[in-house]
ModelCIF file with pLDDT and N, C-alpha, C, O atoms, coordinates in Angstrom:
data_MODEL
#
_entry.id   MODEL 
#
_entity.id                         1 
_entity.type                       polymer 
_entity.pdbx_number_of_molecules   1 
#
_entity_poly.entity_id                      1 
_entity_poly.type                           'polypeptide(L)' 
_entity_poly.nstd_linkage                   no 
_entity_poly.nstd_monomer                   no 
_entity_poly.pdbx_seq_one_letter_code       SYLKMSKEELKSEFETVKKEYARLTSMGFNLDMSRGKPGADQMD 
_entity_poly.pdbx_seq_one_letter_code_can   SYLKMSKEELKSEFETVKKEYARLTSMGFNLDMSRGKPGADQMD 
_entity_poly.pdbx_strand_id                 A 
#
loop_
_entity_poly_seq.entity_id 
_entity_poly_seq.num 
_entity_poly_seq.mon_id 
_entity_poly_seq.hetero 
1 1  SER n 
1 2  TYR n 
1 3  LEU n 
1 4  LYS n 
1 5  MET n 
1 6  SER n 
1 7  LYS n 
1 8  GLU n 
1 9  GLU n 
1 10 LEU n 
1 11 LYS n 
1 12 SER n 
1 13 GLU n 
1 14 PHE n 
1 15 GLU n 
1 16 THR n 
1 17 VAL n 
1 18 LYS n 
1 19 LYS n 
1 20 GLU n 
1 21 TYR n 
1 22 ALA n 
1 23 ARG n 
1 24 LEU n 
1 25 THR n 
1 26 SER n 
1 27 MET n 
1 28 GLY n 
1 29 PHE n 
1 30 ASN n 
1 31 LEU n 
1 32 ASP n 
1 33 MET n 
1 34 SER n 
1 35 ARG n 
1 36 GLY n 
1 37 LYS n 
1 38 PRO n 
1 39 GLY n 
1 40 ALA n 
1 41 ASP n 
1 42 GLN n 
1 43 MET n 
1 44 ASP n 
#
_struct_asym.id          A 
_struct_asym.entity_id   1 
#
loop_
_ma_qa_metric.id 
_ma_qa_metric.mode 
_ma_qa_metric.name 
_ma_qa_metric.software_group_id 
_ma_qa_metric.type 
1 global pLDDT . pLDDT 
2 local  pLDDT . pLDDT 
#
_ma_qa_metric_global.metric_id      1 
_ma_qa_metric_global.metric_value   95.57 
_ma_qa_metric_global.model_id       1 
_ma_qa_metric_global.ordinal_id     1 
#
loop_
_ma_qa_metric_local.label_asym_id 
_ma_qa_metric_local.label_comp_id 
_ma_qa_metric_local.label_seq_id 
_ma_qa_metric_local.metric_id 
_ma_qa_metric_local.metric_value 
_ma_qa_metric_local.model_id 
_ma_qa_metric_local.ordinal_id 
A SER 1  2 96.00 1 1  
A TYR 2  2 97.00 1 2  
A LEU 3  2 96.00 1 3  
A LYS 4  2 96.00 1 4  
A MET 5  2 96.00 1 5  
A SER 6  2 95.00 1 6  
A LYS 7  2 95.00 1 7  
A GLU 8  2 96.00 1 8  
A GLU 9  2 96.00 1 9  
A LEU 10 2 97.00 1 10 
A LYS 11 2 97.00 1 11 
A SER 12 2 97.00 1 12 
A GLU 13 2 97.00 1 13 
A PHE 14 2 98.00 1 14 
A GLU 15 2 98.00 1 15 
A THR 16 2 98.00 1 16 
A VAL 17 2 98.00 1 17 
A LYS 18 2 98.00 1 18 
A LYS 19 2 98.00 1 19 
A GLU 20 2 98.00 1 20 
A TYR 21 2 98.00 1 21 
A ALA 22 2 97.00 1 22 
A ARG 23 2 97.00 1 23 
A LEU 24 2 97.00 1 24 
A THR 25 2 96.00 1 25 
A SER 26 2 96.00 1 26 
A MET 27 2 95.00 1 27 
A GLY 28 2 94.00 1 28 
A PHE 29 2 94.00 1 29 
A ASN 30 2 94.00 1 30 
A LEU 31 2 93.00 1 31 
A ASP 32 2 92.00 1 32 
A MET 33 2 91.00 1 33 
A SER 34 2 91.00 1 34 
A ARG 35 2 89.00 1 35 
A GLY 36 2 91.00 1 36 
A LYS 37 2 94.00 1 37 
A PRO 38 2 96.00 1 38 
A GLY 39 2 93.00 1 39 
A ALA 40 2 94.00 1 40 
A ASP 41 2 95.00 1 41 
A GLN 42 2 97.00 1 42 
A MET 43 2 97.00 1 43 
A ASP 44 2 97.00 1 44 
#
loop_
_atom_site.group_PDB 
_atom_site.id 
_atom_site.type_symbol 
_atom_site.label_atom_id 
_atom_site.label_alt_id 
_atom_site.label_comp_id 
_atom_site.label_asym_id 
_atom_site.label_entity_id 
_atom_site.label_seq_id 
_atom_site.pdbx_PDB_ins_code 
_atom_site.Cartn_x 
_atom_site.Cartn_y 
_atom_site.Cartn_z 
_atom_site.occupancy 
_atom_site.B_iso_or_equiv 
_atom_site.pdbx_formal_charge 
_atom_site.auth_seq_id 
_atom_site.auth_comp_id 
_atom_site.auth_asym_id 
_atom_site.auth_atom_id 
_atom_site.pdbx_PDB_model_num 
ATOM 1   N N  . SER A 1 1  ? -12.621 47.320 12.944 1.00 96.00 ? 1  SER A N  1 
ATOM 2   C CA . SER A 1 1  ? -11.024 47.473 12.392 1.00 96.00 ? 1  SER A CA 1 
ATOM 3   C C  . SER A 1 1  ? -10.147 47.320 13.013 1.00 96.00 ? 1  SER A C  1 
ATOM 4   O O  . SER A 1 1  ? -10.137 47.837 14.131 1.00 96.00 ? 1  SER A O  1 
ATOM 5   N N  . TYR A 1 2  ? -8.841  46.416 12.487 1.00 97.00 ? 2  TYR A N  1 
ATOM 6   C CA . TYR A 1 2  ? -7.894  46.934 13.760 1.00 97.00 ? 2  TYR A CA 1 
ATOM 7   C C  . TYR A 1 2  ? -6.976  47.582 12.859 1.00 97.00 ? 2  TYR A C  1 
ATOM 8   O O  . TYR A 1 2  ? -5.914  48.063 13.255 1.00 97.00 ? 2  TYR A O  1 
ATOM 9   N N  . LEU A 1 3  ? -7.479  47.618 11.262 1.00 96.00 ? 3  LEU A N  1 
ATOM 10  C CA . LEU A 1 3  ? -6.621  49.004 10.618 1.00 96.00 ? 3  LEU A CA 1 
ATOM 11  C C  . LEU A 1 3  ? -7.278  50.010 11.139 1.00 96.00 ? 3  LEU A C  1 
ATOM 12  O O  . LEU A 1 3  ? -6.547  50.918 10.744 1.00 96.00 ? 3  LEU A O  1 
ATOM 13  N N  . LYS A 1 4  ? -8.043  50.489 11.682 1.00 96.00 ? 4  LYS A N  1 
ATOM 14  C CA . LYS A 1 4  ? -8.349  51.846 12.355 1.00 96.00 ? 4  LYS A CA 1 
ATOM 15  C C  . LYS A 1 4  ? -8.295  51.899 13.760 1.00 96.00 ? 4  LYS A C  1 
ATOM 16  O O  . LYS A 1 4  ? -9.020  52.478 14.570 1.00 96.00 ? 4  LYS A O  1 
ATOM 17  N N  . MET A 1 5  ? -7.408  51.263 13.884 1.00 96.00 ? 5  MET A N  1 
ATOM 18  C CA . MET A 1 5  ? -7.213  51.315 15.590 1.00 96.00 ? 5  MET A CA 1 
ATOM 19  C C  . MET A 1 5  ? -5.648  52.349 15.833 1.00 96.00 ? 5  MET A C  1 
ATOM 20  O O  . MET A 1 5  ? -4.747  52.457 15.001 1.00 96.00 ? 5  MET A O  1 
ATOM 21  N N  . SER A 1 6  ? -5.688  52.865 16.910 1.00 95.00 ? 6  SER A N  1 
ATOM 22  C CA . SER A 1 6  ? -4.427  53.801 17.162 1.00 95.00 ? 6  SER A CA 1 
ATOM 23  C C  . SER A 1 6  ? -3.720  53.123 17.518 1.00 95.00 ? 6  SER A C  1 
ATOM 24  O O  . SER A 1 6  ? -4.276  52.033 17.649 1.00 95.00 ? 6  SER A O  1 
ATOM 25  N N  . LYS A 1 7  ? -2.223  53.061 17.926 1.00 95.00 ? 7  LYS A N  1 
ATOM 26  C CA . LYS A 1 7  ? -1.788  52.361 18.140 1.00 95.00 ? 7  LYS A CA 1 
ATOM 27  C C  . LYS A 1 7  ? -1.467  51.830 20.090 1.00 95.00 ? 7  LYS A C  1 
ATOM 28  O O  . LYS A 1 7  ? -0.905  50.845 20.567 1.00 95.00 ? 7  LYS A O  1 
ATOM 29  N N  . GLU A 1 8  ? -2.049  52.868 20.647 1.00 96.00 ? 8  GLU A N  1 
ATOM 30  C CA . GLU A 1 8  ? -2.729  52.404 21.762 1.00 96.00 ? 8  GLU A CA 1 
ATOM 31  C C  . GLU A 1 8  ? -3.624  51.575 22.055 1.00 96.00 ? 8  GLU A C  1 
ATOM 32  O O  . GLU A 1 8  ? -3.728  51.066 23.171 1.00 96.00 ? 8  GLU A O  1 
ATOM 33  N N  . GLU A 1 9  ? -4.712  51.239 20.650 1.00 96.00 ? 9  GLU A N  1 
ATOM 34  C CA . GLU A 1 9  ? -5.780  51.034 21.283 1.00 96.00 ? 9  GLU A CA 1 
ATOM 35  C C  . GLU A 1 9  ? -4.949  49.153 20.786 1.00 96.00 ? 9  GLU A C  1 
ATOM 36  O O  . GLU A 1 9  ? -5.106  48.060 21.330 1.00 96.00 ? 9  GLU A O  1 
ATOM 37  N N  . LEU A 1 10 ? -4.211  49.516 19.710 1.00 97.00 ? 10 LEU A N  1 
ATOM 38  C CA . LEU A 1 10 ? -3.883  47.947 18.986 1.00 97.00 ? 10 LEU A CA 1 
ATOM 39  C C  . LEU A 1 10 ? -2.946  47.407 20.680 1.00 97.00 ? 10 LEU A C  1 
ATOM 40  O O  . LEU A 1 10 ? -3.274  46.503 21.449 1.00 97.00 ? 10 LEU A O  1 
ATOM 41  N N  . LYS A 1 11 ? -1.985  48.184 20.762 1.00 97.00 ? 11 LYS A N  1 
ATOM 42  C CA . LYS A 1 11 ? -1.884  47.673 22.536 1.00 97.00 ? 11 LYS A CA 1 
ATOM 43  C C  . LYS A 1 11 ? -2.480  47.023 23.466 1.00 97.00 ? 11 LYS A C  1 
ATOM 44  O O  . LYS A 1 11 ? -2.060  46.089 24.150 1.00 97.00 ? 11 LYS A O  1 
ATOM 45  N N  . SER A 1 12 ? -3.665  47.646 23.471 1.00 97.00 ? 12 SER A N  1 
ATOM 46  C CA . SER A 1 12 ? -4.701  46.827 24.927 1.00 97.00 ? 12 SER A CA 1 
ATOM 47  C C  . SER A 1 12 ? -5.416  45.893 24.075 1.00 97.00 ? 12 SER A C  1 
ATOM 48  O O  . SER A 1 12 ? -5.949  44.931 24.628 1.00 97.00 ? 12 SER A O  1 
ATOM 49  N N  . GLU A 1 13 ? -5.516  46.030 22.765 1.00 97.00 ? 13 GLU A N  1 
ATOM 50  C CA . GLU A 1 13 ? -6.640  44.906 22.286 1.00 97.00 ? 13 GLU A CA 1 
ATOM 51  C C  . GLU A 1 13 ? -4.976  43.396 22.552 1.00 97.00 ? 13 GLU A C  1 
ATOM 52  O O  . GLU A 1 13 ? -5.061  42.304 23.114 1.00 97.00 ? 13 GLU A O  1 
ATOM 53  N N  . PHE A 1 14 ? -3.948  43.927 21.996 1.00 98.00 ? 14 PHE A N  1 
ATOM 54  C CA . PHE A 1 14 ? -3.082  42.937 22.118 1.00 98.00 ? 14 PHE A CA 1 
ATOM 55  C C  . PHE A 1 14 ? -3.172  42.210 23.824 1.00 98.00 ? 14 PHE A C  1 
ATOM 56  O O  . PHE A 1 14 ? -3.556  41.045 23.928 1.00 98.00 ? 14 PHE A O  1 
ATOM 57  N N  . GLU A 1 15 ? -2.875  42.826 24.788 1.00 98.00 ? 15 GLU A N  1 
ATOM 58  C CA . GLU A 1 15 ? -2.542  42.370 25.502 1.00 98.00 ? 15 GLU A CA 1 
ATOM 59  C C  . GLU A 1 15 ? -3.773  41.788 26.117 1.00 98.00 ? 15 GLU A C  1 
ATOM 60  O O  . GLU A 1 15 ? -3.675  40.801 26.846 1.00 98.00 ? 15 GLU A O  1 
ATOM 61  N N  . THR A 1 16 ? -5.129  42.442 25.820 1.00 98.00 ? 16 THR A N  1 
ATOM 62  C CA . THR A 1 16 ? -6.690  41.318 25.965 1.00 98.00 ? 16 THR A CA 1 
ATOM 63  C C  . THR A 1 16 ? -6.328  39.999 25.422 1.00 98.00 ? 16 THR A C  1 
ATOM 64  O O  . THR A 1 16 ? -6.682  39.021 26.080 1.00 98.00 ? 16 THR A O  1 
ATOM 65  N N  . VAL A 1 17 ? -5.359  39.724 23.787 1.00 98.00 ? 17 VAL A N  1 
ATOM 66  C CA . VAL A 1 17 ? -5.562  38.752 22.837 1.00 98.00 ? 17 VAL A CA 1 
ATOM 67  C C  . VAL A 1 17 ? -4.476  37.525 23.674 1.00 98.00 ? 17 VAL A C  1 
ATOM 68  O O  . VAL A 1 17 ? -4.574  36.315 23.877 1.00 98.00 ? 17 VAL A O  1 
ATOM 69  N N  . LYS A 1 18 ? -3.413  38.602 24.011 1.00 98.00 ? 18 LYS A N  1 
ATOM 70  C CA . LYS A 1 18 ? -2.078  37.558 24.413 1.00 98.00 ? 18 LYS A CA 1 
ATOM 71  C C  . LYS A 1 18 ? -2.894  36.573 25.962 1.00 98.00 ? 18 LYS A C  1 
ATOM 72  O O  . LYS A 1 18 ? -2.997  35.347 25.982 1.00 98.00 ? 18 LYS A O  1 
ATOM 73  N N  . LYS A 1 19 ? -3.311  37.404 26.968 1.00 98.00 ? 19 LYS A N  1 
ATOM 74  C CA . LYS A 1 19 ? -4.107  36.553 27.830 1.00 98.00 ? 19 LYS A CA 1 
ATOM 75  C C  . LYS A 1 19 ? -5.103  35.273 27.557 1.00 98.00 ? 19 LYS A C  1 
ATOM 76  O O  . LYS A 1 19 ? -5.142  34.199 28.158 1.00 98.00 ? 19 LYS A O  1 
ATOM 77  N N  . GLU A 1 20 ? -6.023  35.815 26.274 1.00 98.00 ? 20 GLU A N  1 
ATOM 78  C CA . GLU A 1 20 ? -6.630  34.646 26.212 1.00 98.00 ? 20 GLU A CA 1 
ATOM 79  C C  . GLU A 1 20 ? -5.572  33.628 25.825 1.00 98.00 ? 20 GLU A C  1 
ATOM 80  O O  . GLU A 1 20 ? -5.390  32.562 26.414 1.00 98.00 ? 20 GLU A O  1 
ATOM 81  N N  . TYR A 1 21 ? -4.826  34.112 24.666 1.00 98.00 ? 21 TYR A N  1 
ATOM 82  C CA . TYR A 1 21 ? -3.368  32.874 24.346 1.00 98.00 ? 21 TYR A CA 1 
ATOM 83  C C  . TYR A 1 21 ? -3.391  32.220 25.195 1.00 98.00 ? 21 TYR A C  1 
ATOM 84  O O  . TYR A 1 21 ? -4.263  31.353 25.136 1.00 98.00 ? 21 TYR A O  1 
ATOM 85  N N  . ALA A 1 22 ? -2.576  32.225 26.336 1.00 97.00 ? 22 ALA A N  1 
ATOM 86  C CA . ALA A 1 22 ? -2.025  32.217 27.580 1.00 97.00 ? 22 ALA A CA 1 
ATOM 87  C C  . ALA A 1 22 ? -2.967  31.185 27.844 1.00 97.00 ? 22 ALA A C  1 
ATOM 88  O O  . ALA A 1 22 ? -2.695  30.014 27.576 1.00 97.00 ? 22 ALA A O  1 
ATOM 89  N N  . ARG A 1 23 ? -4.153  31.552 28.395 1.00 97.00 ? 23 ARG A N  1 
ATOM 90  C CA . ARG A 1 23 ? -5.317  30.436 28.711 1.00 97.00 ? 23 ARG A CA 1 
ATOM 91  C C  . ARG A 1 23 ? -5.366  29.402 28.302 1.00 97.00 ? 23 ARG A C  1 
ATOM 92  O O  . ARG A 1 23 ? -5.333  28.400 29.015 1.00 97.00 ? 23 ARG A O  1 
ATOM 93  N N  . LEU A 1 24 ? -5.495  29.388 26.536 1.00 97.00 ? 24 LEU A N  1 
ATOM 94  C CA . LEU A 1 24 ? -5.718  28.440 25.354 1.00 97.00 ? 24 LEU A CA 1 
ATOM 95  C C  . LEU A 1 24 ? -4.622  27.621 25.982 1.00 97.00 ? 24 LEU A C  1 
ATOM 96  O O  . LEU A 1 24 ? -4.875  26.630 26.667 1.00 97.00 ? 24 LEU A O  1 
ATOM 97  N N  . THR A 1 25 ? -3.131  28.143 25.686 1.00 96.00 ? 25 THR A N  1 
ATOM 98  C CA . THR A 1 25 ? -1.856  27.295 25.908 1.00 96.00 ? 25 THR A CA 1 
ATOM 99  C C  . THR A 1 25 ? -1.863  26.397 27.343 1.00 96.00 ? 25 THR A C  1 
ATOM 100 O O  . THR A 1 25 ? -0.994  25.534 27.465 1.00 96.00 ? 25 THR A O  1 
ATOM 101 N N  . SER A 1 26 ? -2.714  26.576 28.282 1.00 96.00 ? 26 SER A N  1 
ATOM 102 C CA . SER A 1 26 ? -2.356  26.408 29.565 1.00 96.00 ? 26 SER A CA 1 
ATOM 103 C C  . SER A 1 26 ? -3.242  24.913 29.669 1.00 96.00 ? 26 SER A C  1 
ATOM 104 O O  . SER A 1 26 ? -2.854  24.008 30.408 1.00 96.00 ? 26 SER A O  1 
ATOM 105 N N  . MET A 1 27 ? -4.280  24.818 28.957 1.00 95.00 ? 27 MET A N  1 
ATOM 106 C CA . MET A 1 27 ? -5.178  24.007 28.643 1.00 95.00 ? 27 MET A CA 1 
ATOM 107 C C  . MET A 1 27 ? -4.839  22.403 28.148 1.00 95.00 ? 27 MET A C  1 
ATOM 108 O O  . MET A 1 27 ? -5.573  21.440 28.371 1.00 95.00 ? 27 MET A O  1 
ATOM 109 N N  . GLY A 1 28 ? -3.716  22.375 27.522 1.00 94.00 ? 28 GLY A N  1 
ATOM 110 C CA . GLY A 1 28 ? -2.994  21.453 27.214 1.00 94.00 ? 28 GLY A CA 1 
ATOM 111 C C  . GLY A 1 28 ? -3.913  20.151 26.118 1.00 94.00 ? 28 GLY A C  1 
ATOM 112 O O  . GLY A 1 28 ? -3.853  18.931 26.268 1.00 94.00 ? 28 GLY A O  1 
ATOM 113 N N  . PHE A 1 29 ? -4.731  20.933 25.023 1.00 94.00 ? 29 PHE A N  1 
ATOM 114 C CA . PHE A 1 29 ? -5.363  20.678 23.942 1.00 94.00 ? 29 PHE A CA 1 
ATOM 115 C C  . PHE A 1 29 ? -4.288  19.677 23.218 1.00 94.00 ? 29 PHE A C  1 
ATOM 116 O O  . PHE A 1 29 ? -3.094  19.763 23.506 1.00 94.00 ? 29 PHE A O  1 
ATOM 117 N N  . ASN A 1 30 ? -4.725  18.810 22.350 1.00 94.00 ? 30 ASN A N  1 
ATOM 118 C CA . ASN A 1 30 ? -3.625  18.257 21.713 1.00 94.00 ? 30 ASN A CA 1 
ATOM 119 C C  . ASN A 1 30 ? -5.139  17.703 20.232 1.00 94.00 ? 30 ASN A C  1 
ATOM 120 O O  . ASN A 1 30 ? -5.858  16.705 20.168 1.00 94.00 ? 30 ASN A O  1 
ATOM 121 N N  . LEU A 1 31 ? -5.004  19.020 19.261 1.00 93.00 ? 31 LEU A N  1 
ATOM 122 C CA . LEU A 1 31 ? -6.154  18.846 18.195 1.00 93.00 ? 31 LEU A CA 1 
ATOM 123 C C  . LEU A 1 31 ? -5.421  18.810 16.628 1.00 93.00 ? 31 LEU A C  1 
ATOM 124 O O  . LEU A 1 31 ? -4.328  19.125 16.157 1.00 93.00 ? 31 LEU A O  1 
ATOM 125 N N  . ASP A 1 32 ? -6.253  18.435 16.304 1.00 92.00 ? 32 ASP A N  1 
ATOM 126 C CA . ASP A 1 32 ? -5.627  18.353 14.454 1.00 92.00 ? 32 ASP A CA 1 
ATOM 127 C C  . ASP A 1 32 ? -6.723  18.550 13.301 1.00 92.00 ? 32 ASP A C  1 
ATOM 128 O O  . ASP A 1 32 ? -7.591  17.795 12.863 1.00 92.00 ? 32 ASP A O  1 
ATOM 129 N N  . MET A 1 33 ? -6.388  19.705 13.020 1.00 91.00 ? 33 MET A N  1 
ATOM 130 C CA . MET A 1 33 ? -7.061  20.226 11.741 1.00 91.00 ? 33 MET A CA 1 
ATOM 131 C C  . MET A 1 33 ? -6.175  20.376 9.930  1.00 91.00 ? 33 MET A C  1 
ATOM 132 O O  . MET A 1 33 ? -6.306  21.194 9.019  1.00 91.00 ? 33 MET A O  1 
ATOM 133 N N  . SER A 1 34 ? -5.446  19.337 10.076 1.00 91.00 ? 34 SER A N  1 
ATOM 134 C CA . SER A 1 34 ? -4.355  19.081 8.960  1.00 91.00 ? 34 SER A CA 1 
ATOM 135 C C  . SER A 1 34 ? -4.775  18.681 7.395  1.00 91.00 ? 34 SER A C  1 
ATOM 136 O O  . SER A 1 34 ? -4.350  19.268 6.399  1.00 91.00 ? 34 SER A O  1 
ATOM 137 N N  . ARG A 1 35 ? -5.347  17.987 7.394  1.00 89.00 ? 35 ARG A N  1 
ATOM 138 C CA . ARG A 1 35 ? -5.485  16.749 6.755  1.00 89.00 ? 35 ARG A CA 1 
ATOM 139 C C  . ARG A 1 35 ? -7.228  16.572 6.542  1.00 89.00 ? 35 ARG A C  1 
ATOM 140 O O  . ARG A 1 35 ? -7.938  16.609 7.547  1.00 89.00 ? 35 ARG A O  1 
ATOM 141 N N  . GLY A 1 36 ? -7.626  16.450 5.660  1.00 91.00 ? 36 GLY A N  1 
ATOM 142 C CA . GLY A 1 36 ? -9.171  15.981 5.098  1.00 91.00 ? 36 GLY A CA 1 
ATOM 143 C C  . GLY A 1 36 ? -9.507  14.831 4.547  1.00 91.00 ? 36 GLY A C  1 
ATOM 144 O O  . GLY A 1 36 ? -9.815  14.396 3.438  1.00 91.00 ? 36 GLY A O  1 
ATOM 145 N N  . LYS A 1 37 ? -9.304  14.309 6.067  1.00 94.00 ? 37 LYS A N  1 
ATOM 146 C CA . LYS A 1 37 ? -9.828  12.609 6.233  1.00 94.00 ? 37 LYS A CA 1 
ATOM 147 C C  . LYS A 1 37 ? -11.482 12.275 6.464  1.00 94.00 ? 37 LYS A C  1 
ATOM 148 O O  . LYS A 1 37 ? -12.100 13.331 6.324  1.00 94.00 ? 37 LYS A O  1 
ATOM 149 N N  . PRO A 1 38 ? -11.993 11.640 6.638  1.00 96.00 ? 38 PRO A N  1 
ATOM 150 C CA . PRO A 1 38 ? -13.330 11.358 7.010  1.00 96.00 ? 38 PRO A CA 1 
ATOM 151 C C  . PRO A 1 38 ? -12.786 10.672 8.461  1.00 96.00 ? 38 PRO A C  1 
ATOM 152 O O  . PRO A 1 38 ? -11.780 10.095 8.873  1.00 96.00 ? 38 PRO A O  1 
ATOM 153 N N  . GLY A 1 39 ? -14.292 11.174 9.038  1.00 93.00 ? 39 GLY A N  1 
ATOM 154 C CA . GLY A 1 39 ? -13.800 10.951 10.589 1.00 93.00 ? 39 GLY A CA 1 
ATOM 155 C C  . GLY A 1 39 ? -14.956 9.258  10.253 1.00 93.00 ? 39 GLY A C  1 
ATOM 156 O O  . GLY A 1 39 ? -15.844 8.829  9.516  1.00 93.00 ? 39 GLY A O  1 
ATOM 157 N N  . ALA A 1 40 ? -13.950 8.821  11.600 1.00 94.00 ? 40 ALA A N  1 
ATOM 158 C CA . ALA A 1 40 ? -14.646 7.330  11.825 1.00 94.00 ? 40 ALA A CA 1 
ATOM 159 C C  . ALA A 1 40 ? -16.458 7.273  11.655 1.00 94.00 ? 40 ALA A C  1 
ATOM 160 O O  . ALA A 1 40 ? -17.029 6.336  11.096 1.00 94.00 ? 40 ALA A O  1 
ATOM 161 N N  . ASP A 1 41 ? -16.983 8.150  12.096 1.00 95.00 ? 41 ASP A N  1 
ATOM 162 C CA . ASP A 1 41 ? -18.353 8.276  11.939 1.00 95.00 ? 41 ASP A CA 1 
ATOM 163 C C  . ASP A 1 41 ? -18.919 8.370  10.595 1.00 95.00 ? 41 ASP A C  1 
ATOM 164 O O  . ASP A 1 41 ? -20.068 8.054  10.289 1.00 95.00 ? 41 ASP A O  1 
ATOM 165 N N  . GLN A 1 42 ? -18.055 8.809  9.854  1.00 97.00 ? 42 GLN A N  1 
ATOM 166 C CA . GLN A 1 42 ? -18.403 9.070  8.233  1.00 97.00 ? 42 GLN A CA 1 
ATOM 167 C C  . GLN A 1 42 ? -17.645 7.141  7.749  1.00 97.00 ? 42 GLN A C  1 
ATOM 168 O O  . GLN A 1 42 ? -18.108 6.471  6.826  1.00 97.00 ? 42 GLN A O  1 
ATOM 169 N N  . MET A 1 43 ? -17.070 6.914  8.199  1.00 97.00 ? 43 MET A N  1 
ATOM 170 C CA . MET A 1 43 ? -16.541 5.333  7.624  1.00 97.00 ? 43 MET A CA 1 
ATOM 171 C C  . MET A 1 43 ? -17.632 4.519  8.096  1.00 97.00 ? 43 MET A C  1 
ATOM 172 O O  . MET A 1 43 ? -18.151 3.743  7.293  1.00 97.00 ? 43 MET A O  1 
ATOM 173 N N  . ASP A 1 44 ? -18.113 4.588  9.436  1.00 97.00 ? 44 ASP A N  1 
ATOM 174 C CA . ASP A 1 44 ? -19.097 3.606  10.067 1.00 97.00 ? 44 ASP A CA 1 
ATOM 175 C C  . ASP A 1 44 ? -20.324 3.361  9.040  1.00 97.00 ? 44 ASP A C  1 
ATOM 176 O O  . ASP A 1 44 ? -21.241 2.598  9.345  1.00 97.00 ? 44 ASP A O  1 
#
């Protein structure tokens, strides 16, 4: 649990998460999960 981590443990975890986030942002995604629309396969 993050709620049970010390400040040093949180800092270490944050560095790991920031690296993963930077990796994801470099991949040029264009994704959308904003509206509940049926997909083309459903409409077919």
